[in-house]
Amino acid sequence: MSDIYFSNFQLEEDTQYFLYIGELKNYGLNTYLKKALSHIFSRKFDFISIVPDIFEQYDYENLIVINPQFTHFRVPIEKGRDIVESMNGNISGDAIPRYIATAGGKTPLHRSNVSGS
């Protein structure tokens, strides 16, 4: 059994790519960002999405669906928080991802509100 449940992405020459990791319901935001980046930089941009959503059919381009039966894509909360915090200083402003727990609502996880810190 593979780590990848579904994949249809193809890389094109002379195209700049950005990576989206999240849920398929936000796919449309990437289309907007792709158009905005292309307009700002006068180059072709596209994105590759890595999502956990399982459907019978996928009508989206450049998509990788991870197999939900594999749990090695998950890391302990403290490790995930450390990965995101390590991006500070290397990535600017809004490009820095926020680490959020979705159990019981969307709660940002910072060093101050994760036990064991």
Protein backbone atom coordinates (compact mmCIF):
# COMPACT_ATOMS: atom_id res chain seq x y z
CA MET A 1 0.00 0.00 0.00
CA SER A 2 1.37 3.39 -0.98
CA ASP A 3 1.73 6.59 1.06
CA ILE A 4 0.08 8.38 -1.85
CA TYR A 5 -3.63 7.67 -2.44
CA PHE A 6 -3.90 9.75 -5.63
CA SER A 7 -1.58 11.95 -7.68
CA ASN A 8 -1.89 13.78 -10.99
CA PHE A 9 0.69 16.57 -10.85
CA GLN A 10 3.00 17.34 -13.73
CA LEU A 11 5.80 19.90 -13.65
CA GLU A 12 6.16 22.28 -16.57
CA GLU A 13 9.28 24.11 -17.67
CA ASP A 14 9.39 27.87 -17.08
CA THR A 15 6.77 27.63 -14.33
CA GLN A 16 7.35 28.68 -10.73
CA TYR A 17 5.54 26.48 -8.19
CA PHE A 18 4.38 26.96 -4.64
CA LEU A 19 3.23 24.16 -2.34
CA TYR A 20 -0.10 24.08 -0.55
CA ILE A 21 -0.59 21.61 2.29
CA GLY A 22 -4.08 21.56 3.74
CA GLU A 23 -7.67 20.68 2.99
CA LEU A 24 -9.20 20.56 -0.47
CA LYS A 25 -11.90 23.08 0.52
CA ASN A 26 -9.25 25.85 0.30
CA TYR A 27 -8.12 24.92 -3.21
CA GLY A 28 -9.78 28.03 -4.70
CA LEU A 29 -7.56 30.35 -2.66
CA ASN A 30 -4.53 28.85 -4.40
CA THR A 31 -6.03 29.67 -7.79
CA TYR A 32 -6.33 33.30 -6.71
CA LEU A 33 -2.75 33.34 -5.36
CA LYS A 34 -1.45 31.76 -8.58
CA LYS A 35 -3.05 34.53 -10.66
CA ALA A 36 -1.84 37.27 -8.31
CA LEU A 37 1.76 36.01 -8.33
CA SER A 38 1.73 35.68 -12.11
CA HIS A 39 0.51 39.27 -12.41
CA ILE A 40 2.98 40.71 -9.87
CA PHE A 41 6.09 38.92 -11.18
CA SER A 42 5.14 38.61 -14.89
CA ARG A 43 5.95 34.89 -14.81
CA LYS A 44 3.89 31.75 -14.90
CA PHE A 45 3.05 30.39 -11.45
CA ASP A 46 1.20 27.26 -10.43
CA PHE A 47 0.77 25.23 -7.28
CA ILE A 48 0.87 21.65 -6.08
CA SER A 49 -1.63 20.70 -3.38
CA ILE A 50 -1.07 17.98 -0.80
CA VAL A 51 -4.37 17.11 0.87
CA PRO A 52 -5.85 14.35 3.06
CA ASP A 53 -9.31 14.45 1.44
CA ILE A 54 -10.54 11.13 0.00
CA PHE A 55 -13.14 11.23 -2.80
CA GLU A 56 -14.23 8.89 -5.58
CA GLN A 57 -13.11 11.34 -8.25
CA TYR A 58 -10.75 14.33 -8.37
CA ASP A 59 -11.36 17.19 -10.79
CA TYR A 60 -8.39 19.25 -9.60
CA GLU A 61 -5.00 19.74 -11.23
CA ASN A 62 -1.61 19.18 -9.58
CA LEU A 63 -2.99 17.23 -6.66
CA ILE A 64 -1.41 14.74 -4.28
CA VAL A 65 -3.73 12.96 -1.84
CA ILE A 66 -2.00 11.27 1.07
CA ASN A 67 -3.26 7.88 2.19
CA PRO A 68 -5.13 8.40 5.49
CA GLN A 69 -4.09 4.93 6.70
CA PHE A 70 -0.51 6.15 7.09
CA THR A 71 0.16 8.05 10.27
CA HIS A 72 3.86 8.77 9.76
CA PHE A 73 2.88 12.10 8.19
CA ARG A 74 1.89 13.20 11.67
CA VAL A 75 4.34 14.46 14.26
CA PRO A 76 3.89 15.15 17.99
CA ILE A 77 2.48 18.62 18.71
CA GLU A 78 5.76 19.83 20.21
CA LYS A 79 7.75 18.73 17.14
CA GLY A 80 5.29 20.39 14.74
CA ARG A 81 5.42 23.59 16.76
CA ASP A 82 9.24 23.52 16.66
CA ILE A 83 9.23 23.05 12.87
CA VAL A 84 6.94 26.05 12.35
CA GLU A 85 8.89 28.20 14.83
CA SER A 86 12.16 27.35 13.05
CA MET A 87 10.79 29.13 9.97
CA ASN A 88 10.84 32.48 11.81
CA GLY A 89 13.65 34.59 10.42
CA ASN A 90 13.90 32.48 7.26
CA ILE A 91 10.48 33.25 5.80
CA SER A 92 8.90 36.68 5.88
CA GLY A 93 5.58 37.88 7.27
CA ASP A 94 2.40 36.22 6.11
CA ALA A 95 4.32 33.39 4.41
CA ILE A 96 5.10 31.85 7.82
CA PRO A 97 2.54 29.09 8.46
CA ARG A 98 0.58 29.05 11.69
CA TYR A 99 0.43 25.81 13.64
CA ILE A 100 -3.20 25.15 14.55
CA ALA A 101 -5.00 22.34 16.37
CA THR A 102 -8.47 21.65 15.00
CA ALA A 103 -9.84 19.48 17.80
CA GLY A 104 -12.58 21.45 19.54
CA GLY A 105 -12.08 24.56 17.38
CA LYS A 106 -9.09 26.17 15.72
CA THR A 107 -6.49 26.99 18.34
CA PRO A 108 -3.07 28.42 17.42
CA LEU A 109 -0.35 26.39 19.15
CA HIS A 110 2.49 28.48 20.51
CA ARG A 111 5.20 27.50 22.98
CA SER A 112 3.20 29.21 25.75
CA ASN A 113 0.04 27.09 25.33
CA VAL A 114 1.53 23.64 24.66
CA SER A 115 2.08 21.58 27.80
CA GLY A 116 5.58 20.39 28.50
CA SER A 117 7.11 23.72 27.43
